[in-house]
Amino acid sequence: MIVNPASMGFVSADANLSITGARGAGKTYLSCVLGAEECKQTLRTCY
């Protein structure tokens, strides 16, 4: 479990991130926000 995904610690740990949850929980929104943050930090993003 990642406590603070916005810190991008999973990227420096060279780990994958799986986002799961019920329909309408905001999974797509969260992945878009994290991808945008990675781009701000000049990291590659695959969605």
Protein backbone atom coordinates (compact mmCIF):
# COMPACT_ATOMS: atom_id res chain seq x y z
CA MET A 1 0.00 0.00 0.00
CA ILE A 2 1.25 3.46 -0.88
CA VAL A 3 0.53 6.01 1.81
CA ASN A 4 1.29 9.13 -0.26
CA PRO A 5 1.22 8.45 -4.02
CA ALA A 6 1.65 12.17 -4.77
CA SER A 7 5.23 11.94 -3.47
CA MET A 8 6.00 9.69 -6.48
CA GLY A 9 7.94 7.34 -4.21
CA PHE A 10 6.81 4.37 -6.29
CA VAL A 11 8.64 5.83 -9.29
CA SER A 12 11.99 6.10 -7.50
CA ALA A 13 11.42 2.58 -6.11
CA ASP A 14 10.98 1.38 -9.72
CA ALA A 15 7.57 -0.09 -8.82
CA ASN A 16 4.33 -0.31 -10.77
CA LEU A 17 1.13 1.26 -9.53
CA SER A 18 -2.25 -0.44 -9.78
CA ILE A 19 -5.33 1.61 -8.99
CA THR A 20 -8.40 -0.43 -8.10
CA GLY A 21 -11.78 0.46 -6.71
CA ALA A 22 -15.49 0.56 -7.29
CA ARG A 23 -17.06 2.16 -10.34
CA GLY A 24 -17.20 5.92 -9.85
CA ALA A 25 -14.49 5.98 -7.19
CA GLY A 26 -12.21 8.28 -9.20
CA LYS A 27 -9.61 5.82 -10.50
CA THR A 28 -9.25 7.55 -13.87
CA TYR A 29 -9.09 10.97 -12.26
CA LEU A 30 -6.39 9.81 -9.85
CA SER A 31 -4.31 8.25 -12.63
CA CYS A 32 -4.56 11.46 -14.70
CA VAL A 33 -3.48 13.59 -11.73
CA LEU A 34 -0.52 11.31 -11.00
CA GLY A 35 0.45 11.28 -14.69
CA ALA A 36 0.34 15.07 -14.84
CA GLU A 37 2.52 15.28 -11.73
CA GLU A 38 5.05 12.91 -13.27
CA CYS A 39 5.19 15.10 -16.37
CA LYS A 40 5.82 18.15 -14.18
CA GLN A 41 8.78 16.29 -12.70
CA THR A 42 10.00 15.47 -16.25
CA LEU A 43 9.33 11.75 -15.85
CA ARG A 44 7.89 9.46 -18.53
CA THR A 45 4.24 8.53 -18.19
CA CYS A 46 2.32 5.65 -19.72
CA TYR A 47 -1.43 5.59 -19.34
